[in-house]
């Protein structure tokens, strides 16, 4: 059974006043055990593309420890370019989906995530399965979207890049026309190349502060943290709004517990990093996709998380439609330089819009 909550004609965020949003929540059902939350974003001008089968429907999957709304500044940049006069890119809408143990989905799934099936056992593939269920359930649960009839482009960052790749191998297969992988946490040469990074990320997840008295104190603390000081101010504000929620203990004894906590718990974040197969399992799928339709790769020029040798292994021997490096950005491109990332994604969409010979 599903539920659709429409916020049509309301701005998605005060900082992004032109963009509209619609929220969709699906309850467990149809053999899928978890809640799913997604948001649709569009501009009023895009409504003219609704009857055009070539107009793009973009599907965005986020990185570990983030949430679907983290894409909003990037979307704002893409939409501004796509809606400019003479743009060859026609967009119908974009959908952003929470990983089931992140964001609003993580809050709804809190009890289920404590069950043995999921506790400390959530993988990249589970995010891909969530995306597949989301695409499958739409026409049956009131979303009114038959994604099989859409011109789909998949866009994923880090964990999301792995999941959007894995999605292409899940049956029944949905027809995507292109992918854009942003700093995908893939290691075709073997998972051992990321073992040290995995250790650092798990340690960081458990050492990360995860409770504050309120959102104001959370914002102040994040502004003092060296890593989050690199984030675009809009991302920081959006994270405090959507990546932080009321602490479950606060409802029982006012003042006796911290007021807010991370939407993606430290346990769930660490579980994603411990996934033993996520970095290597999609390799064969990626090899096939690069010969099937355009796959674009966007990397950060600063190897602050992913080693250069891993970037080199991803690029080696694969005919990507394009490879873009944003030189002064690190792994968290979405959070650090969303405007420039939006332009890079738009440029990839422009390449797809041009006539090309068959692969």
Protein backbone atom coordinates (compact mmCIF):
# COMPACT_ATOMS: atom_id res chain seq x y z
CA UNK A 1 0.00 0.00 0.00
CA UNK A 2 1.40 3.41 -0.93
CA UNK A 3 0.92 7.01 0.01
CA UNK A 4 1.46 10.08 -2.16
CA UNK A 5 1.96 13.50 -0.61
CA UNK A 6 1.85 16.32 -3.15
CA UNK A 7 3.39 19.73 -2.56
CA UNK A 8 2.82 20.99 -6.07
CA UNK A 9 3.48 24.70 -6.69
CA UNK A 10 5.45 25.10 -3.48
CA UNK A 11 9.13 26.03 -3.72
CA UNK A 12 11.47 23.15 -2.92
CA UNK A 13 13.55 25.37 -0.65
CA UNK A 14 13.70 29.10 0.09
CA UNK A 15 17.16 29.25 -1.44
CA UNK A 16 15.92 27.59 -4.64
CA UNK A 17 12.74 29.55 -5.23
CA UNK A 18 12.10 28.55 -8.88
CA UNK A 19 12.21 24.80 -8.34
CA UNK A 20 9.08 22.90 -7.37
CA UNK A 21 8.87 19.63 -5.49
CA UNK A 22 6.54 16.76 -4.78
CA UNK A 23 7.09 14.15 -2.05
CA UNK A 24 6.18 10.48 -2.38
CA UNK A 25 6.23 7.87 0.39
CA UNK A 26 5.69 4.15 -0.21
CA UNK A 27 4.87 1.82 2.68
CA UNK A 28 6.29 -1.73 2.74
CA UNK A 29 4.39 -4.03 0.43
CA UNK A 30 4.49 -6.10 -2.73
CA UNK A 31 7.22 -8.26 -1.25
CA UNK A 32 9.41 -5.27 -0.35
CA UNK A 33 9.91 -4.88 3.43
CA UNK A 34 10.96 -1.24 3.83
CA UNK A 35 9.52 2.26 3.51
CA UNK A 36 10.71 4.34 0.57
CA UNK A 37 10.73 8.13 0.33
CA UNK A 38 11.43 10.11 -2.83
CA UNK A 39 11.02 13.62 -4.16
CA UNK A 40 10.20 14.84 -7.62
CA UNK A 41 11.69 18.19 -8.70
CA UNK A 42 10.88 20.26 -11.77
CA UNK A 43 10.45 23.77 -13.11
CA UNK A 44 7.10 25.11 -14.37
CA UNK A 45 8.70 25.48 -17.81
CA UNK A 46 9.36 21.72 -17.91
CA UNK A 47 5.63 20.96 -17.88
CA UNK A 48 5.62 21.74 -21.62
CA UNK A 49 7.84 18.65 -22.08
CA UNK A 50 5.35 16.24 -20.48
CA UNK A 51 4.11 14.90 -23.82
CA UNK A 52 7.59 14.61 -25.36
CA UNK A 53 8.83 10.99 -25.08
CA UNK A 54 12.40 12.18 -25.60
CA UNK A 55 12.32 14.54 -22.60
CA UNK A 56 14.53 13.29 -19.80
CA UNK A 57 13.48 11.86 -16.46
CA UNK A 58 16.53 12.02 -14.19
CA UNK A 59 16.99 9.58 -11.28
CA UNK A 60 19.47 10.66 -8.59
CA UNK A 61 21.00 8.40 -5.92
CA UNK A 62 23.03 9.97 -3.10
CA UNK A 63 26.22 9.08 -1.22
CA UNK A 64 26.56 7.36 2.15
CA UNK A 65 25.51 9.49 5.17
CA UNK A 66 23.53 11.95 3.01
CA UNK A 67 19.94 12.14 1.77
CA UNK A 68 17.89 12.86 -1.33
CA UNK A 69 17.63 16.63 -0.72
CA UNK A 70 21.41 17.03 -0.93
CA UNK A 71 20.97 17.12 -4.73
CA UNK A 72 18.89 20.31 -4.69
CA UNK A 73 21.65 22.88 -5.41
CA UNK A 74 23.04 20.65 -8.18
CA UNK A 75 19.55 20.32 -9.63
CA UNK A 76 19.09 24.07 -9.48
CA UNK A 77 22.21 24.52 -11.63
CA UNK A 78 21.15 21.83 -14.13
CA UNK A 79 17.63 23.22 -14.39
CA UNK A 80 18.87 26.78 -14.94
CA UNK A 81 21.00 25.65 -17.87
CA UNK A 82 18.36 23.34 -19.34
CA UNK A 83 15.72 26.08 -19.23
CA UNK A 84 17.95 28.67 -20.91
CA UNK A 85 17.14 29.81 -24.44
CA UNK A 86 18.49 27.48 -27.10
CA UNK A 87 19.31 24.60 -24.74
CA UNK A 88 19.23 21.23 -26.59
CA UNK A 89 18.42 19.42 -23.33
CA UNK A 90 14.75 18.77 -22.58
CA UNK A 91 14.00 17.71 -19.02
CA UNK A 92 10.65 16.49 -17.85
CA UNK A 93 11.51 16.04 -14.16
CA UNK A 94 14.05 14.69 -11.70
CA UNK A 95 13.49 12.12 -8.95
CA UNK A 96 15.75 11.81 -5.90
CA UNK A 97 15.46 8.68 -3.75
CA UNK A 98 16.60 8.12 -0.18
CA UNK A 99 18.60 4.99 0.53
CA UNK A 100 16.27 3.09 2.93
CA UNK A 101 18.57 3.58 5.94
CA UNK A 102 19.15 7.28 5.24
CA UNK A 103 17.15 10.50 5.46
CA UNK A 104 13.38 10.34 5.86
CA UNK A 105 13.41 6.67 4.87
CA UNK A 106 15.84 5.85 7.67
CA UNK A 107 13.48 7.43 10.20
CA UNK A 108 10.49 5.44 8.92
CA UNK A 109 12.55 2.24 8.83
CA UNK A 110 14.15 2.67 12.27
CA UNK A 111 12.48 -0.38 13.80
CA UNK A 112 13.03 -2.61 10.75
CA UNK A 113 16.71 -1.67 10.60
CA UNK A 114 17.19 -3.14 14.10
CA UNK A 115 16.03 -6.56 12.89
CA UNK A 116 18.74 -9.20 12.21
CA UNK A 117 18.15 -9.07 8.45
CA UNK A 118 19.30 -5.45 8.28
CA UNK A 119 21.17 -4.55 11.48
CA UNK A 120 24.79 -3.78 10.60
CA UNK A 121 24.03 -5.49 7.31
CA UNK A 122 23.03 -2.92 4.71
CA UNK A 123 24.80 -2.91 1.38
CA UNK A 124 25.09 -0.95 -1.85
CA UNK A 125 22.99 -3.63 -3.52
CA UNK A 126 20.11 -2.94 -1.11
CA UNK A 127 20.04 0.66 -2.35
CA UNK A 128 19.89 -0.65 -5.93
CA UNK A 129 17.04 -2.96 -4.93
CA UNK A 130 15.21 -0.03 -3.34
CA UNK A 131 15.57 1.97 -6.57
CA UNK A 132 14.30 -0.97 -8.59
CA UNK A 133 11.25 -1.34 -6.34
CA UNK A 134 10.60 2.41 -6.55
CA UNK A 135 10.65 2.31 -10.35
CA UNK A 136 8.46 -0.79 -10.38
CA UNK A 137 5.78 0.27 -7.93
CA UNK A 138 4.94 3.72 -9.32
CA UNK A 139 2.03 2.90 -11.64
CA UNK A 140 0.53 0.52 -9.06
CA UNK A 141 0.64 2.80 -6.04
CA UNK A 142 -0.67 6.09 -7.32
CA UNK A 143 2.47 7.91 -8.39
CA UNK A 144 1.12 7.85 -11.92
CA UNK A 145 4.60 7.32 -13.37
CA UNK A 146 5.31 4.42 -15.69
CA UNK A 147 9.08 4.65 -15.71
CA UNK A 148 9.32 2.06 -18.49
CA UNK A 149 7.91 4.69 -20.83
CA UNK A 150 10.32 7.40 -19.70
CA UNK A 151 13.67 8.44 -21.16
CA UNK A 152 15.62 7.62 -18.01
CA UNK A 153 19.06 8.95 -17.10
CA UNK A 154 20.64 7.60 -13.92
CA UNK A 155 22.94 9.83 -11.87
CA UNK A 156 24.72 8.59 -8.76
CA UNK A 157 27.38 9.87 -6.37
CA UNK A 158 29.75 7.55 -4.48
CA UNK A 159 27.45 4.87 -2.99
CA UNK A 160 24.79 6.14 -5.40
CA UNK A 161 27.15 5.61 -8.34
CA UNK A 162 27.61 1.99 -7.31
CA UNK A 163 23.87 1.48 -6.76
CA UNK A 164 22.80 3.08 -10.05
CA UNK A 165 25.23 0.74 -11.83
CA UNK A 166 23.93 -2.32 -9.97
CA UNK A 167 20.38 -1.27 -10.83
CA UNK A 168 21.09 -1.88 -14.52
CA UNK A 169 21.51 -5.63 -13.84
CA UNK A 170 18.34 -6.16 -11.77
CA UNK A 171 15.45 -7.96 -13.44
CA UNK A 172 13.23 -6.88 -14.98
CA UNK A 173 15.64 -4.34 -16.42
CA UNK A 174 14.49 -0.74 -16.81
CA UNK A 175 15.56 1.02 -20.03
CA UNK A 176 18.03 3.79 -19.22
CA UNK A 177 19.46 5.91 -22.03
CA UNK A 178 22.56 7.10 -20.14
CA UNK A 179 24.35 7.12 -16.78
CA UNK A 180 26.40 9.77 -15.02
CA UNK A 181 28.69 8.36 -12.32
CA UNK A 182 30.15 10.89 -9.88
CA UNK A 183 33.10 9.68 -7.83
CA UNK A 184 31.66 6.14 -7.79
CA UNK A 185 33.10 4.05 -4.96
CA UNK A 186 34.19 1.35 -7.40
CA UNK A 187 37.51 -0.47 -7.40
CA UNK A 188 37.75 -2.67 -10.51
CA UNK A 189 41.28 -3.75 -9.58
CA UNK A 190 40.09 -5.26 -6.30
CA UNK A 191 38.50 -4.22 -3.01
CA UNK A 192 41.88 -4.31 -1.24
CA UNK A 193 42.68 -0.96 -2.84
CA UNK A 194 39.93 0.57 -0.69
CA UNK A 195 40.62 -1.40 2.52
CA UNK A 196 42.50 1.44 4.19
CA UNK A 197 39.81 3.95 3.17
CA UNK A 198 37.14 1.60 4.54
CA UNK A 199 38.92 1.47 7.90
CA UNK A 200 39.16 5.27 8.04
CA UNK A 201 35.51 5.74 7.11
CA UNK A 202 34.22 3.21 9.67
CA UNK A 203 36.36 4.80 12.38
CA UNK A 204 35.14 8.25 11.35
CA UNK A 205 31.51 7.13 11.40
CA UNK A 206 31.76 5.96 15.00
CA UNK A 207 33.76 8.98 16.15
CA UNK A 208 31.46 11.48 14.48
CA UNK A 209 29.36 13.59 16.80
CA UNK A 210 25.75 12.56 16.32
CA UNK A 211 23.69 14.41 18.95
CA UNK A 212 23.00 18.08 19.63
CA UNK A 213 20.53 19.97 21.77
CA UNK A 214 18.86 21.49 18.69
CA UNK A 215 19.44 22.28 15.02
CA UNK A 216 21.02 25.65 15.83
CA UNK A 217 23.73 23.96 17.90
CA UNK A 218 24.17 21.32 15.19
CA UNK A 219 24.70 24.03 12.58
CA UNK A 220 27.24 25.83 14.78
CA UNK A 221 29.16 22.60 15.35
CA UNK A 222 29.21 21.68 11.67
CA UNK A 223 30.48 25.13 10.74
CA UNK A 224 33.46 24.56 13.04
CA UNK A 225 34.30 21.14 11.60
CA UNK A 226 37.11 21.29 9.06
CA UNK A 227 35.55 18.91 6.55
CA UNK A 228 32.10 20.50 6.52
CA UNK A 229 33.64 23.97 6.23
CA UNK A 230 34.32 23.00 2.61
CA UNK A 231 30.64 22.45 1.89
CA UNK A 232 28.56 24.94 -0.05
CA UNK A 233 26.51 26.96 2.50
CA UNK A 234 23.27 25.78 0.88
CA UNK A 235 24.29 22.16 1.39
CA UNK A 236 25.04 22.79 5.05
CA UNK A 237 21.64 24.38 5.58
CA UNK A 238 19.89 21.56 3.72
CA UNK A 239 21.79 18.93 5.72
CA UNK A 240 20.73 20.47 9.02
CA UNK A 241 17.14 20.54 7.77
CA UNK A 242 16.94 17.03 6.28
CA UNK A 243 19.99 15.07 7.47
CA UNK A 244 19.19 15.66 11.13
CA UNK A 245 16.01 14.67 12.96
CA UNK A 246 14.50 14.65 16.43
CA UNK A 247 16.35 12.32 18.78
CA UNK A 248 14.05 9.36 19.58
CA UNK A 249 14.72 9.78 23.30
CA UNK A 250 13.63 13.40 23.34
CA UNK A 251 9.95 12.48 23.09
CA UNK A 252 9.99 10.60 26.39
CA UNK A 253 11.68 13.03 28.76
CA UNK A 254 11.93 16.64 27.70
CA UNK A 255 15.32 18.08 28.47
CA UNK A 256 16.79 14.78 29.62
CA UNK A 257 18.04 13.70 26.19
CA UNK A 258 19.76 15.39 23.24
CA UNK A 259 17.23 17.08 21.04
CA UNK A 260 18.39 16.07 17.54
CA UNK A 261 20.53 13.38 15.95
CA UNK A 262 21.74 12.19 12.55
CA UNK A 263 19.10 10.75 10.23
CA UNK A 264 21.62 8.14 9.11
CA UNK A 265 22.83 6.54 12.34
CA UNK A 266 26.48 5.82 12.94
CA UNK A 267 25.77 2.07 12.84
CA UNK A 268 24.03 2.31 9.49
CA UNK A 269 26.74 4.52 8.00
CA UNK A 270 29.44 2.08 9.13
CA UNK A 271 27.44 -0.85 7.72
CA UNK A 272 27.55 0.72 4.25
CA UNK A 273 31.33 1.12 4.44
CA UNK A 274 31.78 -2.51 5.51
CA UNK A 275 29.98 -3.82 2.40
CA UNK A 276 32.56 -6.34 1.10
CA UNK A 277 31.30 -6.55 -2.49
CA UNK A 278 29.97 -3.09 -3.34
CA UNK A 279 33.24 -1.81 -4.78
CA UNK A 280 33.82 -4.78 -7.08
CA UNK A 281 30.52 -6.53 -7.84
CA UNK A 282 29.27 -3.92 -10.40
CA UNK A 283 32.48 -4.07 -12.47
CA UNK A 284 31.19 -6.50 -15.11
CA UNK A 285 27.95 -4.55 -15.37
CA UNK A 286 29.91 -1.32 -15.87
CA UNK A 287 32.03 -2.95 -18.57
CA UNK A 288 28.90 -3.98 -20.44
CA UNK A 289 27.14 -0.64 -20.01
CA UNK A 290 30.06 1.34 -21.44
CA UNK A 291 29.52 -0.55 -24.70
CA UNK A 292 25.73 -0.26 -24.58
CA UNK A 293 24.90 3.42 -24.09
CA UNK A 294 26.66 6.60 -22.91
CA UNK A 295 28.22 6.37 -19.47
CA UNK A 296 29.79 9.60 -18.22
CA UNK A 297 32.33 9.75 -15.40
CA UNK A 298 32.88 12.81 -13.19
CA UNK A 299 35.79 12.77 -10.73
CA UNK A 300 37.29 15.11 -8.18
CA UNK A 301 40.87 16.18 -8.73
CA UNK A 302 41.79 16.04 -5.03
CA UNK A 303 42.33 12.43 -3.82
CA UNK A 304 41.07 13.13 -0.31
CA UNK A 305 39.12 9.85 -0.09
CA UNK A 306 39.53 7.69 -3.18
CA UNK A 307 43.18 6.99 -4.14
CA UNK A 308 44.38 8.07 -7.58
CA UNK A 309 45.14 4.45 -8.48
CA UNK A 310 41.45 3.60 -8.01
CA UNK A 311 40.42 6.45 -10.31
CA UNK A 312 42.93 5.19 -12.87
CA UNK A 313 41.54 1.64 -12.64
CA UNK A 314 37.98 2.89 -13.21
CA UNK A 315 39.02 4.76 -16.37
CA UNK A 316 41.32 2.08 -17.77
CA UNK A 317 39.98 0.14 -20.73
CA UNK A 318 36.42 1.45 -20.60
CA UNK A 319 35.01 3.62 -23.40
CA UNK A 320 33.27 6.24 -21.25
CA UNK A 321 31.27 8.76 -23.23
CA UNK A 322 33.15 11.47 -21.32
CA UNK A 323 35.47 11.80 -18.34
CA UNK A 324 35.41 15.11 -16.47
CA UNK A 325 37.72 16.02 -13.61
CA UNK A 326 36.79 18.94 -11.35
CA UNK A 327 40.33 19.73 -10.31
CA UNK A 328 39.92 21.56 -6.98
CA UNK A 329 37.14 19.36 -5.60
CA UNK A 330 37.44 16.21 -3.53
CA UNK A 331 35.26 13.14 -3.26
CA UNK A 332 32.26 15.12 -1.95
CA UNK A 333 31.71 17.05 -5.17
CA UNK A 334 27.96 17.26 -4.59
CA UNK A 335 28.52 18.98 -1.27
CA UNK A 336 31.52 21.12 -2.18
CA UNK A 337 30.86 22.48 -5.68
CA UNK A 338 27.22 21.77 -6.63
CA UNK A 339 27.04 24.56 -9.22
CA UNK A 340 30.08 23.31 -11.11
CA UNK A 341 28.88 19.74 -10.80
CA UNK A 342 25.51 20.79 -12.20
CA UNK A 343 27.27 22.29 -15.23
CA UNK A 344 29.31 19.11 -15.71
CA UNK A 345 26.17 16.95 -15.60
CA UNK A 346 24.39 19.32 -17.97
CA UNK A 347 27.33 19.10 -20.40
CA UNK A 348 26.98 15.30 -20.33
CA UNK A 349 23.28 15.64 -21.11
CA UNK A 350 24.12 17.97 -24.00
CA UNK A 351 26.45 15.32 -25.42
CA UNK A 352 23.64 12.77 -25.24
CA UNK A 353 21.26 15.18 -27.00
CA UNK A 354 23.53 15.47 -30.03
CA UNK A 355 23.10 12.99 -32.89
CA UNK A 356 25.64 10.20 -32.58
CA UNK A 357 26.54 7.03 -34.42
CA UNK A 358 25.52 3.71 -32.88
CA UNK A 359 27.98 2.15 -30.47
